[in-house]
Amino acid sequence: MDNNNNAPGSGGLRGGLGSLFGGGAPEYSNTELAGVPLTGMSPLSPYLNVDPRYLVQDTDEFILPTGANKTRGRFELAFFTIGGCCITGATFGTLNGFRMGLKETRDMPWSKPRNVQILNMVTRQGASWANTLGSVALLYSVFGVAIEKARGAEDDLNTLAAGTLTGLLYKSTSGLKGAARGGLVGLAMSGLYALYNNWDHLKGASPSRY
């Protein structure tokens, strides 16, 4: 069978289907396309009539407002900090309460009164540690946001100042010496956090902030 005899029919069939679905694209021979310049153009996908350059994402995934920072600010981190400290305190308090409950009731046989006493110790210690760490995190976040808004800048100086003020205020009920010790502890802990946060920068690599 001569294949050339079926060529016009196939072309008519493709043309008919193309017109049925809104019109088919014109077909060009290799001779007609030989003189078309392709300088500066990427080859089209054989499956999609789309330039592959438009499918490559060379920009950020999210669109940020003009002037917005790419890293999360202290106000956004405050919720995570407070919640994380509460959960951490509750977990540590629960384990510590369970340890203390077993220690205080080691002379008692396993019975309902012993279980109730252990459960009370676990609940008391978990709530106490969660309240303590949550309060410290709340003070630190409030001081950090306030200092950032007052200075108009976000750097490690805000971290050191917020940690020091948090220690001073939290231990202010213990007198002047207690407040001073609390401030020193807050300064030391915030200093360690700032050092850890800039460790990559100190080694010469790009820092991964937050």
Protein backbone atom coordinates (compact mmCIF):
# COMPACT_ATOMS: atom_id res chain seq x y z
CA MET A 1 0.00 0.00 0.00
CA ASP A 2 1.27 3.42 -0.87
CA ASN A 3 1.58 5.62 2.24
CA ASN A 4 1.51 8.76 0.15
CA ASN A 5 -2.08 8.12 -0.77
CA ASN A 6 -3.15 8.31 2.87
CA ALA A 7 -1.23 11.52 3.64
CA PRO A 8 -3.89 13.93 2.37
CA GLY A 9 -6.58 12.05 4.22
CA SER A 10 -4.64 12.13 7.47
CA GLY A 11 -4.00 15.81 7.08
CA GLY A 12 -7.68 16.41 6.44
CA LEU A 13 -8.60 14.36 9.50
CA ARG A 14 -6.20 16.38 11.71
CA GLY A 15 -7.51 19.58 10.23
CA GLY A 16 -11.09 18.48 10.85
CA LEU A 17 -10.41 17.56 14.46
CA GLY A 18 -8.47 20.79 14.95
CA SER A 19 -11.37 22.86 13.64
CA LEU A 20 -13.78 20.83 15.78
CA PHE A 21 -11.92 21.76 19.00
CA GLY A 22 -11.36 25.40 18.21
CA GLY A 23 -8.87 25.34 15.36
CA GLY A 24 -5.61 23.52 14.86
CA ALA A 25 -2.14 25.03 14.82
CA PRO A 26 -0.60 25.56 11.36
CA GLU A 27 1.93 22.98 10.31
CA TYR A 28 5.28 24.00 8.89
CA SER A 29 7.84 21.88 7.17
CA ASN A 30 11.47 21.63 8.19
CA THR A 31 12.44 23.72 5.17
CA GLU A 32 10.19 26.57 6.27
CA LEU A 33 11.50 26.46 9.83
CA ALA A 34 15.15 26.31 8.79
CA GLY A 35 15.45 30.05 8.40
CA VAL A 36 13.80 30.99 11.69
CA PRO A 37 16.44 32.37 14.13
CA LEU A 38 16.47 30.61 17.52
CA THR A 39 19.15 32.76 19.19
CA GLY A 40 18.26 33.52 22.82
CA MET A 41 15.28 31.16 22.84
CA SER A 42 14.88 27.91 24.77
CA PRO A 43 13.49 24.89 22.95
CA LEU A 44 9.82 24.28 23.56
CA SER A 45 8.69 21.21 25.42
CA PRO A 46 7.65 18.37 23.08
CA TYR A 47 4.64 17.71 25.32
CA LEU A 48 3.50 21.20 26.26
CA ASN A 49 3.52 24.28 24.10
CA VAL A 50 5.17 26.22 26.95
CA ASP A 51 8.60 27.75 27.16
CA PRO A 52 10.47 25.81 29.91
CA ARG A 53 11.97 29.06 31.16
CA TYR A 54 8.60 29.98 32.64
CA LEU A 55 8.50 26.73 34.63
CA VAL A 56 11.77 27.36 36.50
CA GLN A 57 11.35 29.13 39.84
CA ASP A 58 14.44 31.23 40.40
CA THR A 59 12.78 33.51 42.96
CA ASP A 60 11.44 33.09 46.47
CA GLU A 61 8.42 30.85 46.93
CA PHE A 62 6.46 33.44 48.89
CA ILE A 63 5.74 37.04 48.00
CA LEU A 64 6.70 39.39 50.81
CA PRO A 65 5.35 42.92 51.25
CA THR A 66 7.61 45.77 50.30
CA GLY A 67 10.21 46.35 53.00
CA ALA A 68 9.32 43.17 54.90
CA ASN A 69 12.06 41.09 56.46
CA LYS A 70 12.61 37.56 55.19
CA THR A 71 13.13 36.27 58.72
CA ARG A 72 10.47 36.13 61.40
CA GLY A 73 10.47 39.00 63.85
CA ARG A 74 10.31 38.83 67.61
CA PHE A 75 6.55 39.27 67.68
CA GLU A 76 6.04 36.21 65.47
CA LEU A 77 8.57 34.21 67.48
CA ALA A 78 6.97 35.22 70.79
CA PHE A 79 4.08 32.78 70.39
CA PHE A 80 6.40 29.89 69.57
CA THR A 81 8.76 30.81 72.43
CA ILE A 82 6.03 31.04 75.06
CA GLY A 83 4.26 27.87 73.94
CA GLY A 84 7.50 25.91 73.63
CA CYS A 85 8.63 26.96 77.11
CA CYS A 86 5.27 26.00 78.62
CA ILE A 87 5.37 22.56 77.01
CA THR A 88 9.00 22.06 78.01
CA GLY A 89 8.28 23.09 81.60
CA ALA A 90 5.25 20.82 81.81
CA THR A 91 7.23 17.87 80.45
CA PHE A 92 10.16 18.41 82.80
CA GLY A 93 7.84 19.01 85.75
CA THR A 94 5.91 15.85 85.03
CA LEU A 95 9.06 13.73 84.97
CA ASN A 96 10.41 15.45 88.07
CA GLY A 97 7.10 15.01 89.89
CA PHE A 98 6.99 11.34 88.99
CA ARG A 99 10.53 10.91 90.34
CA MET A 100 9.71 12.77 93.55
CA GLY A 101 6.46 10.83 93.97
CA LEU A 102 8.24 7.50 93.69
CA LYS A 103 10.89 8.65 96.13
CA GLU A 104 8.45 9.90 98.76
CA THR A 105 6.20 6.84 98.56
CA ARG A 106 8.85 4.16 98.24
CA ASP A 107 7.89 2.74 101.67
CA MET A 108 4.21 2.46 100.70
CA PRO A 109 2.81 -0.60 98.93
CA TRP A 110 1.33 -0.21 95.47
CA SER A 111 -2.21 0.86 96.24
CA LYS A 112 -4.71 3.56 95.40
CA PRO A 113 -3.42 6.05 98.02
CA ARG A 114 0.10 5.79 96.62
CA ASN A 115 -1.11 6.27 93.06
CA VAL A 116 -3.12 9.32 94.11
CA GLN A 117 -0.12 10.82 95.89
CA ILE A 118 2.15 10.26 92.89
CA LEU A 119 -0.47 11.76 90.58
CA ASN A 120 -0.81 14.82 92.80
CA MET A 121 2.95 15.30 92.79
CA VAL A 122 3.11 14.96 89.01
CA THR A 123 0.30 17.48 88.51
CA ARG A 124 1.76 19.96 91.00
CA GLN A 125 5.28 19.85 89.60
CA GLY A 126 4.13 19.97 85.97
CA ALA A 127 1.96 23.02 86.53
CA SER A 128 4.66 24.76 88.57
CA TRP A 129 7.43 24.31 85.99
CA ALA A 130 5.13 25.21 83.10
CA ASN A 131 4.10 28.40 84.89
CA THR A 132 7.71 29.30 85.68
CA LEU A 133 9.15 28.82 82.21
CA GLY A 134 6.07 30.33 80.58
CA SER A 135 6.36 33.46 82.71
CA VAL A 136 10.05 33.84 81.90
CA ALA A 137 9.36 33.40 78.20
CA LEU A 138 6.55 35.95 78.35
CA LEU A 139 8.76 38.55 80.03
CA TYR A 140 11.59 37.90 77.57
CA SER A 141 9.29 38.21 74.56
CA VAL A 142 7.66 41.42 75.84
CA PHE A 143 11.03 43.02 76.54
CA GLY A 144 12.40 41.87 73.19
CA VAL A 145 9.49 43.28 71.18
CA ALA A 146 9.51 46.55 73.14
CA ILE A 147 13.27 47.06 72.68
CA GLU A 148 13.04 46.22 68.99
CA LYS A 149 10.25 48.77 68.45
CA ALA A 150 12.09 51.41 70.50
CA ARG A 151 15.43 51.01 68.71
CA GLY A 152 14.01 50.30 65.27
CA ALA A 153 16.57 47.55 64.72
CA GLU A 154 16.85 43.83 65.30
CA ASP A 155 20.24 42.52 66.43
CA ASP A 156 21.91 40.63 69.24
CA LEU A 157 21.91 43.71 71.46
CA ASN A 158 18.14 43.33 71.80
CA THR A 159 18.63 39.72 72.86
CA LEU A 160 21.16 40.61 75.56
CA ALA A 161 19.08 43.50 76.86
CA ALA A 162 15.86 41.45 76.92
CA GLY A 163 17.55 38.58 78.76
CA THR A 164 19.10 40.89 81.36
CA LEU A 165 15.85 42.76 82.02
CA THR A 166 13.95 39.49 82.26
CA GLY A 167 16.31 38.20 84.97
CA LEU A 168 16.17 41.49 86.86
CA LEU A 169 12.38 41.67 86.87
CA TYR A 170 11.79 37.99 87.60
CA LYS A 171 14.06 38.05 90.68
CA SER A 172 13.13 41.57 91.76
CA THR A 173 11.15 40.23 94.73
CA SER A 174 14.32 38.70 96.18
CA GLY A 175 15.93 42.03 96.95
CA LEU A 176 18.70 43.96 95.26
CA LYS A 177 21.22 41.13 95.39
CA GLY A 178 18.70 38.62 94.09
CA ALA A 179 17.73 40.91 91.24
CA ALA A 180 21.40 41.43 90.38
CA ARG A 181 22.00 37.67 90.32
CA GLY A 182 18.93 37.20 88.16
CA GLY A 183 20.16 39.86 85.75
CA LEU A 184 23.55 38.19 85.50
CA VAL A 185 21.94 34.82 84.85
CA GLY A 186 19.72 36.35 82.16
CA LEU A 187 22.70 38.08 80.57
CA ALA A 188 24.72 34.86 80.57
CA MET A 189 21.90 32.78 79.05
CA SER A 190 21.09 35.38 76.39
CA GLY A 191 24.79 35.68 75.62
CA LEU A 192 25.06 31.93 75.09
CA TYR A 193 22.01 32.05 72.82
CA ALA A 194 23.50 34.92 70.80
CA LEU A 195 26.77 33.01 70.50
CA TYR A 196 24.97 29.90 69.32
CA ASN A 197 22.88 31.93 66.90
CA ASN A 198 25.99 33.48 65.29
CA TRP A 199 28.21 30.41 65.43
CA ASP A 200 28.08 29.88 61.66
CA HIS A 201 28.88 33.54 61.08
CA LEU A 202 31.87 33.34 63.43
CA LYS A 203 33.17 30.31 61.54
CA GLY A 204 32.92 32.20 58.27
CA ALA A 205 29.76 30.57 56.91
CA SER A 206 26.42 32.25 56.32
CA PRO A 207 24.42 32.42 59.58
CA SER A 208 21.08 30.57 59.77
CA ARG A 209 19.07 33.00 61.84
CA TYR A 210 15.99 31.58 63.58
